[in-house]
Amino acid sequence: MITVAKLAVYPLLVWLILGRMMQLDAFWVNVGVLIACLPSAGNIYVLAQRHDADPQQVSAAILLSTIVSVVSFPCVAWLALD
């Protein structure tokens, strides 16, 4: 569920805020959406490990988001830059 939120809901939210509410130039909206579509960073695992926040589950979420983003990022890039 966290991967869906990170790779689908978050970019949509960024698009709504930057494009519709703030009415920024299309270039900046595309940049924001593409950055939001990137997979979860590995530093999240380090933070989870330091704060005893289930590092195995965080590691699995990072791996899943990276695998899914192999397909989702090019698709969103194609839609955003078209």
PDB file of N, CA and C in Angstrom:
ATOM      1  N   MET A   1       0.818  -1.195   0.000  1.00  0.00           N
ATOM      2  CA  MET A   1       0.000   0.000   0.000  1.00  0.00           C
ATOM      3  C   MET A   1       0.868   1.268   0.000  1.00  0.00           C
ATOM      4  N   ILE A   2       1.973   1.213   0.739  1.00  0.00           N
ATOM      5  CA  ILE A   2       2.856   2.379   0.790  1.00  0.00           C
ATOM      6  C   ILE A   2       3.495   2.651  -0.569  1.00  0.00           C
ATOM      7  N   THR A   3       3.761   1.590  -1.336  1.00  0.00           N
ATOM      8  CA  THR A   3       4.338   1.772  -2.666  1.00  0.00           C
ATOM      9  C   THR A   3       3.347   2.439  -3.607  1.00  0.00           C
ATOM     10  N   VAL A   4       2.086   2.056  -3.528  1.00  0.00           N
ATOM     11  CA  VAL A   4       1.047   2.697  -4.345  1.00  0.00           C
ATOM     12  C   VAL A   4       0.937   4.172  -3.978  1.00  0.00           C
ATOM     13  N   ALA A   5       0.965   4.449  -2.695  1.00  0.00           N
ATOM     14  CA  ALA A   5       0.881   5.837  -2.249  1.00  0.00           C
ATOM     15  C   ALA A   5       2.088   6.639  -2.744  1.00  0.00           C
ATOM     16  N   LYS A   6       3.261   6.052  -2.655  1.00  0.00           N
ATOM     17  CA  LYS A   6       4.482   6.766  -3.050  1.00  0.00           C
ATOM     18  C   LYS A   6       4.566   6.984  -4.546  1.00  0.00           C
ATOM     19  N   LEU A   7       4.200   5.972  -5.332  1.00  0.00           N
ATOM     20  CA  LEU A   7       4.407   6.054  -6.776  1.00  0.00           C
ATOM     21  C   LEU A   7       3.179   6.481  -7.573  1.00  0.00           C
ATOM     22  N   ALA A   8       2.018   6.550  -6.953  1.00  0.00           N
ATOM     23  CA  ALA A   8       0.811   6.953  -7.684  1.00  0.00           C
ATOM     24  C   ALA A   8       0.129   8.158  -7.041  1.00  0.00           C
ATOM     25  N   VAL A   9      -0.157   8.065  -5.769  1.00  0.00           N
ATOM     26  CA  VAL A   9      -0.906   9.133  -5.097  1.00  0.00           C
ATOM     27  C   VAL A   9      -0.044  10.387  -4.934  1.00  0.00           C
ATOM     28  N   TYR A  10       1.192  10.215  -4.500  1.00  0.00           N
ATOM     29  CA  TYR A  10       2.077  11.358  -4.280  1.00  0.00           C
ATOM     30  C   TYR A  10       2.328  12.168  -5.564  1.00  0.00           C
ATOM     31  N   PRO A  11       2.667  11.540  -6.703  1.00  0.00           N
ATOM     32  CA  PRO A  11       2.827  12.329  -7.937  1.00  0.00           C
ATOM     33  C   PRO A  11       1.535  13.028  -8.364  1.00  0.00           C
ATOM     34  N   LEU A  12       0.402  12.362  -8.166  1.00  0.00           N
ATOM     35  CA  LEU A  12      -0.871  12.998  -8.500  1.00  0.00           C
ATOM     36  C   LEU A  12      -1.114  14.214  -7.619  1.00  0.00           C
ATOM     37  N   LEU A  13      -0.807  14.086  -6.347  1.00  0.00           N
ATOM     38  CA  LEU A  13      -0.948  15.199  -5.419  1.00  0.00           C
ATOM     39  C   LEU A  13      -0.012  16.349  -5.796  1.00  0.00           C
ATOM     40  N   VAL A  14       1.208  16.030  -6.168  1.00  0.00           N
ATOM     41  CA  VAL A  14       2.159  17.059  -6.611  1.00  0.00           C
ATOM     42  C   VAL A  14       1.632  17.757  -7.864  1.00  0.00           C
ATOM     43  N   TRP A  15       1.101  17.000  -8.798  1.00  0.00           N
ATOM     44  CA  TRP A  15       0.540  17.583 -10.021  1.00  0.00           C
ATOM     45  C   TRP A  15      -0.622  18.520  -9.702  1.00  0.00           C
ATOM     46  N   LEU A  16      -1.497  18.087  -8.804  1.00  0.00           N
ATOM     47  CA  LEU A  16      -2.632  18.930  -8.434  1.00  0.00           C
ATOM     48  C   LEU A  16      -2.186  20.228  -7.762  1.00  0.00           C
ATOM     49  N   ILE A  17      -1.238  20.119  -6.860  1.00  0.00           N
ATOM     50  CA  ILE A  17      -0.792  21.305  -6.133  1.00  0.00           C
ATOM     51  C   ILE A  17       0.008  22.251  -7.034  1.00  0.00           C
ATOM     52  N   LEU A  18       1.000  21.714  -7.740  1.00  0.00           N
ATOM     53  CA  LEU A  18       1.844  22.571  -8.568  1.00  0.00           C
ATOM     54  C   LEU A  18       1.129  23.075  -9.815  1.00  0.00           C
ATOM     55  N   GLY A  19       0.374  22.192 -10.450  1.00  0.00           N
ATOM     56  CA  GLY A  19      -0.246  22.555 -11.721  1.00  0.00           C
ATOM     57  C   GLY A  19      -1.571  23.266 -11.603  1.00  0.00           C
ATOM     58  N   ARG A  20      -2.411  22.813 -10.703  1.00  0.00           N
ATOM     59  CA  ARG A  20      -3.754  23.371 -10.603  1.00  0.00           C
ATOM     60  C   ARG A  20      -3.871  24.466  -9.555  1.00  0.00           C
ATOM     61  N   MET A  21      -3.332  24.227  -8.370  1.00  0.00           N
ATOM     62  CA  MET A  21      -3.478  25.219  -7.303  1.00  0.00           C
ATOM     63  C   MET A  21      -2.488  26.381  -7.460  1.00  0.00           C
ATOM     64  N   MET A  22      -1.216  26.057  -7.687  1.00  0.00           N
ATOM     65  CA  MET A  22      -0.196  27.099  -7.793  1.00  0.00           C
ATOM     66  C   MET A  22      -0.046  27.627  -9.214  1.00  0.00           C
ATOM     67  N   GLN A  23      -0.545  26.895 -10.185  1.00  0.00           N
ATOM     68  CA  GLN A  23      -0.514  27.248 -11.602  1.00  0.00           C
ATOM     69  C   GLN A  23       0.893  27.622 -12.075  1.00  0.00           C
ATOM     70  N   LEU A  24       1.847  26.760 -11.731  1.00  0.00           N
ATOM     71  CA  LEU A  24       3.222  26.973 -12.180  1.00  0.00           C
ATOM     72  C   LEU A  24       3.362  26.627 -13.657  1.00  0.00           C
ATOM     73  N   ASP A  25       4.469  27.043 -14.218  1.00  0.00           N
ATOM     74  CA  ASP A  25       4.793  26.727 -15.602  1.00  0.00           C
ATOM     75  C   ASP A  25       4.872  25.204 -15.767  1.00  0.00           C
ATOM     76  N   ALA A  26       4.521  24.719 -16.944  1.00  0.00           N
ATOM     77  CA  ALA A  26       4.479  23.275 -17.204  1.00  0.00           C
ATOM     78  C   ALA A  26       5.828  22.605 -16.937  1.00  0.00           C
ATOM     79  N   PHE A  27       6.926  23.300 -17.197  1.00  0.00           N
ATOM     80  CA  PHE A  27       8.250  22.735 -16.948  1.00  0.00           C
ATOM     81  C   PHE A  27       8.405  22.357 -15.478  1.00  0.00           C
ATOM     82  N   TRP A  28       8.048  23.263 -14.576  1.00  0.00           N
ATOM     83  CA  TRP A  28       8.211  23.022 -13.141  1.00  0.00           C
ATOM     84  C   TRP A  28       7.238  21.980 -12.631  1.00  0.00           C
ATOM     85  N   VAL A  29       6.062  21.937 -13.196  1.00  0.00           N
ATOM     86  CA  VAL A  29       5.107  20.892 -12.820  1.00  0.00           C
ATOM     87  C   VAL A  29       5.652  19.527 -13.227  1.00  0.00           C
ATOM     88  N   ASN A  30       6.183  19.422 -14.439  1.00  0.00           N
ATOM     89  CA  ASN A  30       6.766  18.159 -14.904  1.00  0.00           C
ATOM     90  C   ASN A  30       7.954  17.742 -14.048  1.00  0.00           C
ATOM     91  N   VAL A  31       8.808  18.688 -13.687  1.00  0.00           N
ATOM     92  CA  VAL A  31       9.957  18.377 -12.836  1.00  0.00           C
ATOM     93  C   VAL A  31       9.481  17.849 -11.488  1.00  0.00           C
ATOM     94  N   GLY A  32       8.513  18.516 -10.888  1.00  0.00           N
ATOM     95  CA  GLY A  32       7.996  18.077  -9.596  1.00  0.00           C
ATOM     96  C   GLY A  32       7.362  16.707  -9.652  1.00  0.00           C
ATOM     97  N   VAL A  33       6.583  16.457 -10.686  1.00  0.00           N
ATOM     98  CA  VAL A  33       5.919  15.157 -10.826  1.00  0.00           C
ATOM     99  C   VAL A  33       6.944  14.051 -11.056  1.00  0.00           C
ATOM    100  N   LEU A  34       7.945  14.309 -11.892  1.00  0.00           N
ATOM    101  CA  LEU A  34       8.965  13.292 -12.145  1.00  0.00           C
ATOM    102  C   LEU A  34       9.792  13.003 -10.895  1.00  0.00           C
ATOM    103  N   ILE A  35      10.103  14.011 -10.123  1.00  0.00           N
ATOM    104  CA  ILE A  35      10.828  13.782  -8.868  1.00  0.00           C
ATOM    105  C   ILE A  35       9.958  12.980  -7.903  1.00  0.00           C
ATOM    106  N   ALA A  36       8.668  13.282  -7.868  1.00  0.00           N
ATOM    107  CA  ALA A  36       7.757  12.551  -6.978  1.00  0.00           C
ATOM    108  C   ALA A  36       7.607  11.089  -7.398  1.00  0.00           C
ATOM    109  N   CYS A  37       7.858  10.783  -8.664  1.00  0.00           N
ATOM    110  CA  CYS A  37       7.724   9.409  -9.160  1.00  0.00           C
ATOM    111  C   CYS A  37       8.944   8.539  -8.900  1.00  0.00           C
ATOM    112  N   LEU A  38      10.001   9.120  -8.399  1.00  0.00           N
ATOM    113  CA  LEU A  38      11.205   8.329  -8.129  1.00  0.00           C
ATOM    114  C   LEU A  38      10.958   7.377  -6.962  1.00  0.00           C
ATOM    115  N   PRO A  39      11.668   6.253  -6.940  1.00  0.00           N
ATOM    116  CA  PRO A  39      11.463   5.292  -5.842  1.00  0.00           C
ATOM    117  C   PRO A  39      11.975   5.842  -4.515  1.00  0.00           C
ATOM    118  N   SER A  40      11.585   5.180  -3.454  1.00  0.00           N
ATOM    119  CA  SER A  40      12.024   5.581  -2.113  1.00  0.00           C
ATOM    120  C   SER A  40      13.536   5.477  -2.004  1.00  0.00           C
ATOM    121  N   ALA A  41      14.126   6.426  -1.305  1.00  0.00           N
ATOM    122  CA  ALA A  41      15.582   6.467  -1.169  1.00  0.00           C
ATOM    123  C   ALA A  41      16.066   5.475  -0.116  1.00  0.00           C
ATOM    124  N   GLY A  42      17.298   5.031  -0.275  1.00  0.00           N
ATOM    125  CA  GLY A  42      17.883   4.066   0.649  1.00  0.00           C
ATOM    126  C   GLY A  42      18.144   4.621   2.037  1.00  0.00           C
ATOM    127  N   ASN A  43      18.244   5.942   2.162  1.00  0.00           N
ATOM    128  CA  ASN A  43      18.497   6.519   3.482  1.00  0.00           C
ATOM    129  C   ASN A  43      17.327   6.308   4.437  1.00  0.00           C
ATOM    130  N   ILE A  44      16.166   6.005   3.904  1.00  0.00           N
ATOM    131  CA  ILE A  44      15.012   5.718   4.752  1.00  0.00           C
ATOM    132  C   ILE A  44      15.272   4.460   5.576  1.00  0.00           C
ATOM    133  N   TYR A  45      15.977   3.502   4.983  1.00  0.00           N
ATOM    134  CA  TYR A  45      16.318   2.275   5.710  1.00  0.00           C
ATOM    135  C   TYR A  45      17.210   2.582   6.912  1.00  0.00           C
ATOM    136  N   VAL A  46      18.177   3.457   6.719  1.00  0.00           N
ATOM    137  CA  VAL A  46      19.078   3.824   7.809  1.00  0.00           C
ATOM    138  C   VAL A  46      18.294   4.483   8.948  1.00  0.00           C
ATOM    139  N   LEU A  47      17.387   5.379   8.599  1.00  0.00           N
ATOM    140  CA  LEU A  47      16.560   6.019   9.623  1.00  0.00           C
ATOM    141  C   LEU A  47      15.679   5.005  10.345  1.00  0.00           C
ATOM    142  N   ALA A  48      15.110   4.081   9.610  1.00  0.00           N
ATOM    143  CA  ALA A  48      14.269   3.049  10.227  1.00  0.00           C
ATOM    144  C   ALA A  48      15.088   2.170  11.163  1.00  0.00           C
ATOM    145  N   GLN A  49      16.299   1.868  10.763  1.00  0.00           N
ATOM    146  CA  GLN A  49      17.172   1.030  11.590  1.00  0.00           C
ATOM    147  C   GLN A  49      17.580   1.762  12.871  1.00  0.00           C
ATOM    148  N   ARG A  50      17.885   3.024  12.752  1.00  0.00           N
ATOM    149  CA  ARG A  50      18.303   3.806  13.924  1.00  0.00           C
ATOM    150  C   ARG A  50      17.177   4.020  14.918  1.00  0.00           C
ATOM    151  N   HIS A  51      15.953   4.108  14.426  1.00  0.00           N
ATOM    152  CA  HIS A  51      14.812   4.397  15.289  1.00  0.00           C
ATOM    153  C   HIS A  51      13.950   3.169  15.562  1.00  0.00           C
ATOM    154  N   ASP A  52      14.478   1.985  15.286  1.00  0.00           N
ATOM    155  CA  ASP A  52      13.756   0.721  15.507  1.00  0.00           C
ATOM    156  C   ASP A  52      12.343   0.756  14.918  1.00  0.00           C
ATOM    157  N   ALA A  53      12.254   1.121  13.651  1.00  0.00           N
ATOM    158  CA  ALA A  53      10.958   1.249  12.969  1.00  0.00           C
ATOM    159  C   ALA A  53      10.795   0.162  11.917  1.00  0.00           C
ATOM    160  N   ASP A  54      10.995  -1.103  12.290  1.00  0.00           N
ATOM    161  CA  ASP A  54      10.812  -2.259  11.419  1.00  0.00           C
ATOM    162  C   ASP A  54      11.631  -2.137  10.128  1.00  0.00           C
ATOM    163  N   PRO A  55      12.953  -2.211  10.236  1.00  0.00           N
ATOM    164  CA  PRO A  55      13.796  -2.030   9.047  1.00  0.00           C
ATOM    165  C   PRO A  55      13.559  -3.070   7.955  1.00  0.00           C
ATOM    166  N   GLN A  56      13.132  -4.292   8.309  1.00  0.00           N
ATOM    167  CA  GLN A  56      12.864  -5.293   7.270  1.00  0.00           C
ATOM    168  C   GLN A  56      11.688  -4.874   6.388  1.00  0.00           C
ATOM    169  N   GLN A  57      10.653  -4.344   7.000  1.00  0.00           N
ATOM    170  CA  GLN A  57       9.496  -3.897   6.214  1.00  0.00           C
ATOM    171  C   GLN A  57       9.864  -2.674   5.370  1.00  0.00           C
ATOM    172  N   VAL A  58      10.658  -1.779   5.920  1.00  0.00           N
ATOM    173  CA  VAL A  58      11.109  -0.612   5.171  1.00  0.00           C
ATOM    174  C   VAL A  58      11.976  -1.048   3.996  1.00  0.00           C
ATOM    175  N   SER A  59      12.845  -2.010   4.221  1.00  0.00           N
ATOM    176  CA  SER A  59      13.688  -2.528   3.148  1.00  0.00           C
ATOM    177  C   SER A  59      12.853  -3.150   2.035  1.00  0.00           C
ATOM    178  N   ALA A  60      11.830  -3.894   2.412  1.00  0.00           N
ATOM    179  CA  ALA A  60      10.937  -4.497   1.411  1.00  0.00           C
ATOM    180  C   ALA A  60      10.187  -3.424   0.626  1.00  0.00           C
ATOM    181  N   ALA A  61       9.765  -2.366   1.306  1.00  0.00           N
ATOM    182  CA  ALA A  61       9.054  -1.277   0.621  1.00  0.00           C
ATOM    183  C   ALA A  61       9.975  -0.553  -0.356  1.00  0.00           C
ATOM    184  N   ILE A  62      11.230  -0.350   0.028  1.00  0.00           N
ATOM    185  CA  ILE A  62      12.193   0.289  -0.871  1.00  0.00           C
ATOM    186  C   ILE A  62      12.437  -0.582  -2.099  1.00  0.00           C
ATOM    187  N   LEU A  63      12.622  -1.875  -1.878  1.00  0.00           N
ATOM    188  CA  LEU A  63      12.837  -2.790  -2.991  1.00  0.00           C
ATOM    189  C   LEU A  63      11.630  -2.808  -3.928  1.00  0.00           C
ATOM    190  N   LEU A  64      10.439  -2.913  -3.366  1.00  0.00           N
ATOM    191  CA  LEU A  64       9.224  -2.935  -4.186  1.00  0.00           C
ATOM    192  C   LEU A  64       9.038  -1.630  -4.957  1.00  0.00           C
ATOM    193  N   SER A  65       9.276  -0.502  -4.311  1.00  0.00           N
ATOM    194  CA  SER A  65       9.110   0.769  -5.011  1.00  0.00           C
ATOM    195  C   SER A  65      10.131   0.925  -6.127  1.00  0.00           C
ATOM    196  N   THR A  66      11.331   0.388  -5.932  1.00  0.00           N
ATOM    197  CA  THR A  66      12.341   0.445  -6.984  1.00  0.00           C
ATOM    198  C   THR A  66      11.944  -0.425  -8.171  1.00  0.00           C
ATOM    199  N   ILE A  67      11.445  -1.616  -7.898  1.00  0.00           N
ATOM    200  CA  ILE A  67      11.022  -2.521  -8.975  1.00  0.00           C
ATOM    201  C   ILE A  67       9.841  -1.935  -9.745  1.00  0.00           C
ATOM    202  N   VAL A  68       8.849  -1.432  -9.027  1.00  0.00           N
ATOM    203  CA  VAL A  68       7.665  -0.871  -9.682  1.00  0.00           C
ATOM    204  C   VAL A  68       8.021   0.390 -10.473  1.00  0.00           C
ATOM    205  N   SER A  69       8.946   1.193  -9.954  1.00  0.00           N
ATOM    206  CA  SER A  69       9.301   2.433 -10.637  1.00  0.00           C
ATOM    207  C   SER A  69      10.029   2.196 -11.955  1.00  0.00           C
ATOM    208  N   VAL A  70      10.558   0.991 -12.159  1.00  0.00           N
ATOM    209  CA  VAL A  70      11.185   0.667 -13.441  1.00  0.00           C
ATOM    210  C   VAL A  70      10.157   0.792 -14.565  1.00  0.00           C
ATOM    211  N   VAL A  71       8.905   0.502 -14.264  1.00  0.00           N
ATOM    212  CA  VAL A  71       7.830   0.630 -15.247  1.00  0.00           C
ATOM    213  C   VAL A  71       7.093   1.956 -15.093  1.00  0.00           C
ATOM    214  N   SER A  72       6.808   2.349 -13.858  1.00  0.00           N
ATOM    215  CA  SER A  72       5.969   3.534 -13.643  1.00  0.00           C
ATOM    216  C   SER A  72       6.668   4.837 -14.028  1.00  0.00           C
ATOM    217  N   PHE A  73       7.963   4.973 -13.753  1.00  0.00           N
ATOM    218  CA  PHE A  73       8.647   6.222 -14.066  1.00  0.00           C
ATOM    219  C   PHE A  73       8.662   6.522 -15.566  1.00  0.00           C
ATOM    220  N   PRO A  74       9.048   5.577 -16.426  1.00  0.00           N
ATOM    221  CA  PRO A  74       8.995   5.876 -17.864  1.00  0.00           C
ATOM    222  C   PRO A  74       7.579   6.199 -18.361  1.00  0.00           C
ATOM    223  N   CYS A  75       6.582   5.530 -17.800  1.00  0.00           N
ATOM    224  CA  CYS A  75       5.200   5.813 -18.208  1.00  0.00           C
ATOM    225  C   CYS A  75       4.791   7.235 -17.831  1.00  0.00           C
ATOM    226  N   VAL A  76       5.106   7.632 -16.611  1.00  0.00           N
ATOM    227  CA  VAL A  76       4.773   8.991 -16.175  1.00  0.00           C
ATOM    228  C   VAL A  76       5.590  10.015 -16.949  1.00  0.00           C
ATOM    229  N   ALA A  77       6.853   9.722 -17.209  1.00  0.00           N
ATOM    230  CA  ALA A  77       7.679  10.632 -18.000  1.00  0.00           C
ATOM    231  C   ALA A  77       7.111  10.805 -19.400  1.00  0.00           C
ATOM    232  N   TRP A  78       6.651   9.730 -19.990  1.00  0.00           N
ATOM    233  CA  TRP A  78       6.043   9.810 -21.321  1.00  0.00           C
ATOM    234  C   TRP A  78       4.783  10.659 -21.288  1.00  0.00           C
ATOM    235  N   LEU A  79       3.945  10.471 -20.263  1.00  0.00           N
ATOM    236  CA  LEU A  79       2.721  11.269 -20.143  1.00  0.00           C
ATOM    237  C   LEU A  79       3.022  12.740 -19.857  1.00  0.00           C
ATOM    238  N   ALA A  80       3.986  12.971 -18.971  1.00  0.00           N
ATOM    239  CA  ALA A  80       4.288  14.353 -18.575  1.00  0.00           C
ATOM    240  C   ALA A  80       4.967  15.133 -19.681  1.00  0.00           C
ATOM    241  N   LEU A  81       5.808  14.481 -20.431  1.00  0.00           N
ATOM    242  CA  LEU A  81       6.584  15.197 -21.452  1.00  0.00           C
ATOM    243  C   LEU A  81       5.936  15.164 -22.824  1.00  0.00           C
ATOM    244  N   ASP A  82       4.801  14.535 -22.931  1.00  0.00           N
ATOM    245  CA  ASP A  82       4.110  14.459 -24.229  1.00  0.00           C
ATOM    246  C   ASP A  82       3.346  15.718 -24.519  1.00  0.00           C
TER     247      ASP A  82
END
